[in-house]
PDB file of N, CA and C in Angstrom:
ATOM      1  N   MET A   1      89.936  70.020 103.937  1.00  0.00           N
ATOM      2  CA  MET A   1      89.521  70.882 105.337  1.00  0.00           C
ATOM      3  C   MET A   1      90.625  71.283 106.087  1.00  0.00           C
ATOM      4  N   THR A   2      91.503  70.578 106.230  1.00  0.00           N
ATOM      5  CA  THR A   2      92.812  71.114 106.861  1.00  0.00           C
ATOM      6  C   THR A   2      93.232  72.887 106.241  1.00  0.00           C
ATOM      7  N   THR A   3      93.349  73.195 105.002  1.00  0.00           N
ATOM      8  CA  THR A   3      93.435  74.083 104.517  1.00  0.00           C
ATOM      9  C   THR A   3      92.720  75.534 104.631  1.00  0.00           C
ATOM     10  N   LYS A   4      91.497  74.624 104.674  1.00  0.00           N
ATOM     11  CA  LYS A   4      90.310  75.815 105.484  1.00  0.00           C
ATOM     12  C   LYS A   4      90.564  76.590 106.427  1.00  0.00           C
ATOM     13  N   ILE A   5      90.889  75.306 107.512  1.00  0.00           N
ATOM     14  CA  ILE A   5      91.243  75.976 108.772  1.00  0.00           C
ATOM     15  C   ILE A   5      92.501  76.601 108.865  1.00  0.00           C
ATOM     16  N   ILE A   6      93.417  76.362 107.994  1.00  0.00           N
ATOM     17  CA  ILE A   6      94.480  77.300 108.125  1.00  0.00           C
ATOM     18  C   ILE A   6      94.258  78.734 107.638  1.00  0.00           C
ATOM     19  N   GLU A   7      93.495  78.606 106.654  1.00  0.00           N
ATOM     20  CA  GLU A   7      93.130  79.940 105.865  1.00  0.00           C
ATOM     21  C   GLU A   7      92.449  81.018 107.062  1.00  0.00           C
ATOM     22  N   LYS A   8      91.436  80.509 107.622  1.00  0.00           N
ATOM     23  CA  LYS A   8      91.096  80.934 108.348  1.00  0.00           C
ATOM     24  C   LYS A   8      91.219  81.498 110.054  1.00  0.00           C
ATOM     25  N   LEU A   9      92.552  80.782 110.284  1.00  0.00           N
ATOM     26  CA  LEU A   9      93.599  81.363 111.584  1.00  0.00           C
ATOM     27  C   LEU A   9      94.207  82.198 111.008  1.00  0.00           C
ATOM     28  N   LEU A  10      95.119  82.126 109.550  1.00  0.00           N
ATOM     29  CA  LEU A  10      95.286  83.016 109.434  1.00  0.00           C
ATOM     30  C   LEU A  10      94.413  84.578 109.411  1.00  0.00           C
ATOM     31  N   ASN A  11      93.499  84.441 108.830  1.00  0.00           N
ATOM     32  CA  ASN A  11      92.482  85.786 108.659  1.00  0.00           C
ATOM     33  C   ASN A  11      92.295  86.385 109.997  1.00  0.00           C
ATOM     34  N   ASP A  12      91.994  85.490 110.976  1.00  0.00           N
ATOM     35  CA  ASP A  12      92.193  86.104 112.125  1.00  0.00           C
ATOM     36  C   ASP A  12      93.105  86.652 112.813  1.00  0.00           C
ATOM     37  N   TYR A  13      94.096  85.944 112.444  1.00  0.00           N
ATOM     38  CA  TYR A  13      95.614  86.697 113.050  1.00  0.00           C
ATOM     39  C   TYR A  13      95.579  88.056 112.120  1.00  0.00           C
ATOM     40  N   ILE A  14      94.743  88.415 111.355  1.00  0.00           N
ATOM     41  CA  ILE A  14      95.241  89.591 110.224  1.00  0.00           C
ATOM     42  C   ILE A  14      94.268  90.882 111.434  1.00  0.00           C
ATOM     43  N   GLU A  15      93.037  89.934 111.204  1.00  0.00           N
ATOM     44  CA  GLU A  15      91.893  90.689 111.715  1.00  0.00           C
ATOM     45  C   GLU A  15      92.858  91.084 113.221  1.00  0.00           C
ATOM     46  N   LEU A  16      93.338  90.548 114.450  1.00  0.00           N
ATOM     47  CA  LEU A  16      93.781  91.044 115.403  1.00  0.00           C
ATOM     48  C   LEU A  16      95.049  92.169 115.110  1.00  0.00           C
ATOM     49  N   LEU A  17      95.226  91.891 114.320  1.00  0.00           N
ATOM     50  CA  LEU A  17      96.712  92.970 113.777  1.00  0.00           C
ATOM     51  C   LEU A  17      96.079  94.259 113.413  1.00  0.00           C
ATOM     52  N   ASN A  18      94.900  94.245 112.390  1.00  0.00           N
ATOM     53  CA  ASN A  18      94.107  95.553 111.981  1.00  0.00           C
ATOM     54  C   ASN A  18      92.936  95.632 113.364  1.00  0.00           C
ATOM     55  N   ASP A  19      93.111  95.126 114.564  1.00  0.00           N
ATOM     56  CA  ASP A  19      92.262  95.271 115.770  1.00  0.00           C
ATOM     57  C   ASP A  19      92.298  97.094 116.389  1.00  0.00           C
ATOM     58  N   GLU A  20      91.922  98.153 116.139  1.00  0.00           N
ATOM     59  CA  GLU A  20      92.049  99.459 116.811  1.00  0.00           C
ATOM     60  C   GLU A  20      91.368  99.162 118.337  1.00  0.00           C
ATOM     61  N   GLU A  21      90.505  98.624 118.588  1.00  0.00           N
ATOM     62  CA  GLU A  21      89.849  98.415 119.914  1.00  0.00           C
ATOM     63  C   GLU A  21      90.518  97.865 121.189  1.00  0.00           C
ATOM     64  N   ASP A  22      91.372  96.312 120.619  1.00  0.00           N
ATOM     65  CA  ASP A  22      91.699  95.755 121.606  1.00  0.00           C
ATOM     66  C   ASP A  22      92.702  95.070 121.477  1.00  0.00           C
ATOM     67  N   PHE A  23      93.790  95.949 122.221  1.00  0.00           N
ATOM     68  CA  PHE A  23      94.875  95.746 122.219  1.00  0.00           C
ATOM     69  C   PHE A  23      96.189  96.007 123.445  1.00  0.00           C
ATOM     70  N   ASN A  24      96.691  95.666 123.573  1.00  0.00           N
ATOM     71  CA  ASN A  24      97.553  95.906 124.961  1.00  0.00           C
ATOM     72  C   ASN A  24      98.912  96.532 124.836  1.00  0.00           C
ATOM     73  N   VAL A  25      99.551  96.402 123.519  1.00  0.00           N
ATOM     74  CA  VAL A  25     100.710  96.157 123.164  1.00  0.00           C
ATOM     75  C   VAL A  25     100.762  97.655 122.198  1.00  0.00           C
ATOM     76  N   ILE A  26     101.818  98.728 122.351  1.00  0.00           N
ATOM     77  CA  ILE A  26     102.172  99.309 121.262  1.00  0.00           C
ATOM     78  C   ILE A  26     103.183  99.789 120.753  1.00  0.00           C
ATOM     79  N   ILE A  27     103.684  99.289 119.560  1.00  0.00           N
ATOM     80  CA  ILE A  27     104.995  99.778 119.182  1.00  0.00           C
ATOM     81  C   ILE A  27     105.392 100.869 118.126  1.00  0.00           C
ATOM     82  N   ASN A  28     106.537 101.769 118.408  1.00  0.00           N
ATOM     83  CA  ASN A  28     106.844 102.908 117.853  1.00  0.00           C
ATOM     84  C   ASN A  28     108.233 102.101 117.302  1.00  0.00           C
ATOM     85  N   VAL A  29     107.571 102.358 115.981  1.00  0.00           N
ATOM     86  CA  VAL A  29     109.039 101.945 114.795  1.00  0.00           C
ATOM     87  C   VAL A  29     109.527 103.111 114.248  1.00  0.00           C
ATOM     88  N   GLY A  30     110.362 103.032 114.040  1.00  0.00           N
ATOM     89  CA  GLY A  30     111.230 104.024 113.187  1.00  0.00           C
ATOM     90  C   GLY A  30     111.981 105.424 114.216  1.00  0.00           C
ATOM     91  N   LYS A  31     112.358 106.296 113.681  1.00  0.00           N
ATOM     92  CA  LYS A  31     112.800 107.512 114.104  1.00  0.00           C
ATOM     93  C   LYS A  31     111.838 108.880 113.475  1.00  0.00           C
ATOM     94  N   ILE A  32     111.755 109.822 114.487  1.00  0.00           N
ATOM     95  CA  ILE A  32     111.073 110.949 114.088  1.00  0.00           C
ATOM     96  C   ILE A  32     111.552 111.771 112.786  1.00  0.00           C
ATOM     97  N   PRO A  33     111.075 112.176 111.392  1.00  0.00           N
ATOM     98  CA  PRO A  33     109.898 112.213 111.423  1.00  0.00           C
ATOM     99  C   PRO A  33     108.985 111.018 110.660  1.00  0.00           C
ATOM    100  N   ASP A  34     110.117 110.177 110.394  1.00  0.00           N
ATOM    101  CA  ASP A  34     109.232 108.504 109.592  1.00  0.00           C
ATOM    102  C   ASP A  34     109.008 107.801 111.221  1.00  0.00           C
ATOM    103  N   LEU A  35     107.865 107.984 112.126  1.00  0.00           N
ATOM    104  CA  LEU A  35     107.879 107.026 113.029  1.00  0.00           C
ATOM    105  C   LEU A  35     106.721 106.513 112.792  1.00  0.00           C
ATOM    106  N   LYS A  36     106.061 105.264 112.429  1.00  0.00           N
ATOM    107  CA  LYS A  36     105.286 104.508 112.653  1.00  0.00           C
ATOM    108  C   LYS A  36     104.576 103.582 114.127  1.00  0.00           C
ATOM    109  N   THR A  37     103.315 103.832 114.612  1.00  0.00           N
ATOM    110  CA  THR A  37     102.685 103.203 115.668  1.00  0.00           C
ATOM    111  C   THR A  37     101.914 101.896 114.879  1.00  0.00           C
ATOM    112  N   PHE A  38     102.344 100.718 115.555  1.00  0.00           N
ATOM    113  CA  PHE A  38     101.221  99.584 115.732  1.00  0.00           C
ATOM    114  C   PHE A  38     100.868  99.275 116.749  1.00  0.00           C
ATOM    115  N   LYS A  39      99.979  98.720 117.230  1.00  0.00           N
ATOM    116  CA  LYS A  39      98.738  98.252 118.016  1.00  0.00           C
ATOM    117  C   LYS A  39      99.065  96.628 117.779  1.00  0.00           C
ATOM    118  N   ALA A  40      99.472  96.246 119.028  1.00  0.00           N
ATOM    119  CA  ALA A  40      99.424  94.553 119.290  1.00  0.00           C
ATOM    120  C   ALA A  40      98.953  93.681 120.007  1.00  0.00           C
ATOM    121  N   HIS A  41      98.827  92.661 120.826  1.00  0.00           N
ATOM    122  CA  HIS A  41      98.351  91.866 121.223  1.00  0.00           C
ATOM    123  C   HIS A  41      99.496  90.692 121.993  1.00  0.00           C
ATOM    124  N   SER A  42      99.776  91.486 122.855  1.00  0.00           N
ATOM    125  CA  SER A  42     100.611  90.605 123.974  1.00  0.00           C
ATOM    126  C   SER A  42     100.978  89.332 123.568  1.00  0.00           C
ATOM    127  N   VAL A  43      99.873  88.798 124.093  1.00  0.00           N
ATOM    128  CA  VAL A  43     100.163  87.119 123.780  1.00  0.00           C
ATOM    129  C   VAL A  43     100.399  86.752 122.714  1.00  0.00           C
ATOM    130  N   ILE A  44      99.971  87.193 121.548  1.00  0.00           N
ATOM    131  CA  ILE A  44     100.530  86.706 120.290  1.00  0.00           C
ATOM    132  C   ILE A  44     102.147  87.047 119.856  1.00  0.00           C
ATOM    133  N   LEU A  45     102.511  88.362 120.459  1.00  0.00           N
ATOM    134  CA  LEU A  45     103.873  88.725 120.436  1.00  0.00           C
ATOM    135  C   LEU A  45     104.524  87.410 120.948  1.00  0.00           C
ATOM    136  N   ARG A  46     104.059  87.451 122.273  1.00  0.00           N
ATOM    137  CA  ARG A  46     104.959  86.600 123.406  1.00  0.00           C
ATOM    138  C   ARG A  46     104.800  85.210 122.704  1.00  0.00           C
ATOM    139  N   TYR A  47     104.153  84.587 122.357  1.00  0.00           N
ATOM    140  CA  TYR A  47     104.583  83.157 121.577  1.00  0.00           C
ATOM    141  C   TYR A  47     104.418  83.359 120.378  1.00  0.00           C
ATOM    142  N   ARG A  48     104.810  84.101 119.290  1.00  0.00           N
ATOM    143  CA  ARG A  48     105.401  83.827 118.290  1.00  0.00           C
ATOM    144  C   ARG A  48     106.878  84.632 118.270  1.00  0.00           C
ATOM    145  N   SER A  49     107.227  84.970 119.100  1.00  0.00           N
ATOM    146  CA  SER A  49     108.820  85.562 119.560  1.00  0.00           C
ATOM    147  C   SER A  49     109.404  85.825 120.570  1.00  0.00           C
ATOM    148  N   LEU A  50     110.432  84.679 120.481  1.00  0.00           N
ATOM    149  CA  LEU A  50     111.116  84.930 122.016  1.00  0.00           C
ATOM    150  C   LEU A  50     111.686  86.151 122.339  1.00  0.00           C
ATOM    151  N   TYR A  51     112.022  87.291 120.843  1.00  0.00           N
ATOM    152  CA  TYR A  51     112.211  88.978 121.024  1.00  0.00           C
ATOM    153  C   TYR A  51     111.334  89.567 121.987  1.00  0.00           C
ATOM    154  N   PHE A  52     110.168  89.540 121.489  1.00  0.00           N
ATOM    155  CA  PHE A  52     109.428  90.359 122.335  1.00  0.00           C
ATOM    156  C   PHE A  52     108.556  89.666 123.392  1.00  0.00           C
ATOM    157  N   ARG A  53     108.722  88.080 123.740  1.00  0.00           N
ATOM    158  CA  ARG A  53     108.417  87.469 125.048  1.00  0.00           C
ATOM    159  C   ARG A  53     109.525  88.116 125.822  1.00  0.00           C
ATOM    160  N   ASN A  54     110.661  88.313 125.533  1.00  0.00           N
ATOM    161  CA  ASN A  54     111.479  89.203 126.682  1.00  0.00           C
ATOM    162  C   ASN A  54     111.547  90.440 126.866  1.00  0.00           C
ATOM    163  N   GLU A  55     111.278  91.161 125.743  1.00  0.00           N
ATOM    164  CA  GLU A  55     111.199  92.605 126.213  1.00  0.00           C
ATOM    165  C   GLU A  55     109.615  92.924 126.685  1.00  0.00           C
ATOM    166  N   LEU A  56     108.758  91.984 126.388  1.00  0.00           N
ATOM    167  CA  LEU A  56     107.825  92.604 127.028  1.00  0.00           C
ATOM    168  C   LEU A  56     107.376  92.508 128.684  1.00  0.00           C
ATOM    169  N   THR A  57     108.585  91.242 129.283  1.00  0.00           N
ATOM    170  CA  THR A  57     108.811  90.851 130.714  1.00  0.00           C
ATOM    171  C   THR A  57     109.302  91.896 130.922  1.00  0.00           C
ATOM    172  N   ASN A  58     110.119  92.522 130.146  1.00  0.00           N
ATOM    173  CA  ASN A  58     110.960  93.814 131.435  1.00  0.00           C
ATOM    174  C   ASN A  58     110.362  94.974 130.993  1.00  0.00           C
ATOM    175  N   ILE A  59     108.880  95.289 130.805  1.00  0.00           N
ATOM    176  CA  ILE A  59     108.607  96.985 130.645  1.00  0.00           C
ATOM    177  C   ILE A  59     107.243  96.611 131.163  1.00  0.00           C
ATOM    178  N   ASN A  60     106.752  98.061 131.963  1.00  0.00           N
ATOM    179  CA  ASN A  60     106.206  98.015 132.816  1.00  0.00           C
ATOM    180  C   ASN A  60     104.531  98.513 132.165  1.00  0.00           C
ATOM    181  N   LYS A  61     103.381  98.489 132.348  1.00  0.00           N
ATOM    182  CA  LYS A  61     101.880  98.641 132.074  1.00  0.00           C
ATOM    183  C   LYS A  61     102.010 100.215 132.280  1.00  0.00           C
ATOM    184  N   ASP A  62     101.395 101.141 131.648  1.00  0.00           N
ATOM    185  CA  ASP A  62     101.044 102.529 131.963  1.00  0.00           C
ATOM    186  C   ASP A  62      99.784 102.222 132.702  1.00  0.00           C
ATOM    187  N   GLU A  63      99.274 103.480 133.256  1.00  0.00           N
ATOM    188  CA  GLU A  63      97.729 103.892 133.899  1.00  0.00           C
ATOM    189  C   GLU A  63      96.372 102.950 132.839  1.00  0.00           C
ATOM    190  N   ASN A  64      96.624 102.785 131.667  1.00  0.00           N
ATOM    191  CA  ASN A  64      95.968 102.215 130.937  1.00  0.00           C
ATOM    192  C   ASN A  64      96.252 100.559 130.582  1.00  0.00           C
ATOM    193  N   TYR A  65      97.081  99.975 131.342  1.00  0.00           N
ATOM    194  CA  TYR A  65      97.508  98.951 131.064  1.00  0.00           C
ATOM    195  C   TYR A  65      97.899  98.143 129.947  1.00  0.00           C
ATOM    196  N   ILE A  66      98.478  99.704 129.173  1.00  0.00           N
ATOM    197  CA  ILE A  66      99.366  99.284 127.697  1.00  0.00           C
ATOM    198  C   ILE A  66     100.630  99.290 127.831  1.00  0.00           C
ATOM    199  N   LYS A  67     101.223  98.214 127.620  1.00  0.00           N
ATOM    200  CA  LYS A  67     102.703  98.520 127.265  1.00  0.00           C
ATOM    201  C   LYS A  67     103.575  99.415 126.042  1.00  0.00           C
ATOM    202  N   THR A  68     104.628 100.373 126.061  1.00  0.00           N
ATOM    203  CA  THR A  68     105.154 100.819 125.042  1.00  0.00           C
ATOM    204  C   THR A  68     106.688 100.076 124.266  1.00  0.00           C
ATOM    205  N   ILE A  69     106.864 100.050 123.727  1.00  0.00           N
ATOM    206  CA  ILE A  69     108.376  99.359 122.838  1.00  0.00           C
ATOM    207  C   ILE A  69     108.618  99.739 121.567  1.00  0.00           C
ATOM    208  N   ASN A  70     109.900 100.954 122.102  1.00  0.00           N
ATOM    209  CA  ASN A  70     110.373 101.871 121.281  1.00  0.00           C
ATOM    210  C   ASN A  70     111.423 100.600 120.177  1.00  0.00           C
ATOM    211  N   LEU A  71     111.010 100.741 118.828  1.00  0.00           N
ATOM    212  CA  LEU A  71     112.145 100.304 117.750  1.00  0.00           C
ATOM    213  C   LEU A  71     112.713 101.282 116.748  1.00  0.00           C
ATOM    214  N   ASN A  72     113.382 102.057 117.821  1.00  0.00           N
ATOM    215  CA  ASN A  72     114.278 103.301 116.788  1.00  0.00           C
ATOM    216  C   ASN A  72     115.396 102.588 115.875  1.00  0.00           C
ATOM    217  N   HIS A  73     116.034 101.334 115.641  1.00  0.00           N
ATOM    218  CA  HIS A  73     117.106 101.046 115.265  1.00  0.00           C
ATOM    219  C   HIS A  73     116.157  99.576 114.074  1.00  0.00           C
ATOM    220  N   VAL A  74     114.927 100.013 113.862  1.00  0.00           N
ATOM    221  CA  VAL A  74     114.280  99.265 112.492  1.00  0.00           C
ATOM    222  C   VAL A  74     113.580 100.152 112.021  1.00  0.00           C
ATOM    223  N   SER A  75     113.733 100.027 110.728  1.00  0.00           N
ATOM    224  CA  SER A  75     112.732 100.629 109.179  1.00  0.00           C
ATOM    225  C   SER A  75     110.936 100.347 109.326  1.00  0.00           C
ATOM    226  N   ILE A  76     110.217 100.838 109.070  1.00  0.00           N
ATOM    227  CA  ILE A  76     108.853 100.885 109.184  1.00  0.00           C
ATOM    228  C   ILE A  76     108.842  99.253 107.898  1.00  0.00           C
ATOM    229  N   GLN A  77     109.677  99.892 107.045  1.00  0.00           N
ATOM    230  CA  GLN A  77     109.278  98.350 105.949  1.00  0.00           C
ATOM    231  C   GLN A  77     110.005  97.610 106.556  1.00  0.00           C
ATOM    232  N   GLN A  78     110.885  97.383 107.293  1.00  0.00           N
ATOM    233  CA  GLN A  78     111.390  95.905 107.477  1.00  0.00           C
ATOM    234  C   GLN A  78     110.138  95.285 109.026  1.00  0.00           C
ATOM    235  N   PHE A  79     109.454  96.408 109.692  1.00  0.00           N
ATOM    236  CA  PHE A  79     108.838  95.814 110.907  1.00  0.00           C
ATOM    237  C   PHE A  79     107.577  95.473 109.895  1.00  0.00           C
ATOM    238  N   ASP A  80     107.210  96.028 108.740  1.00  0.00           N
ATOM    239  CA  ASP A  80     105.858  96.027 108.279  1.00  0.00           C
ATOM    240  C   ASP A  80     106.091  94.259 107.816  1.00  0.00           C
ATOM    241  N   ILE A  81     107.392  93.849 107.108  1.00  0.00           N
ATOM    242  CA  ILE A  81     107.932  92.778 106.942  1.00  0.00           C
ATOM    243  C   ILE A  81     107.549  91.510 108.115  1.00  0.00           C
ATOM    244  N   ILE A  82     108.050  91.815 109.006  1.00  0.00           N
ATOM    245  CA  ILE A  82     108.058  91.056 110.491  1.00  0.00           C
ATOM    246  C   ILE A  82     106.569  90.517 111.201  1.00  0.00           C
ATOM    247  N   ILE A  83     106.090  92.156 111.005  1.00  0.00           N
ATOM    248  CA  ILE A  83     104.553  92.229 111.749  1.00  0.00           C
ATOM    249  C   ILE A  83     103.553  91.101 110.920  1.00  0.00           C
TER     250      ILE A  83
END
């Protein structure tokens, strides 16, 4: 029973990660020409990571209420593992 609940929760997180409509954070990773954009949810980032909690506190929203984080010092491959 507990295993099924945890599996469902993990699947829900994966769906949130792939949700292209309902996000409020854009994370740009890497440097041009190797730049990848990730769309995420601030509530998950804040509660799962002290780093993102601090970053999101210091960033203002744009006119669409989206916060943008630029991680030029992280490779796309590294961030794929992290996220």
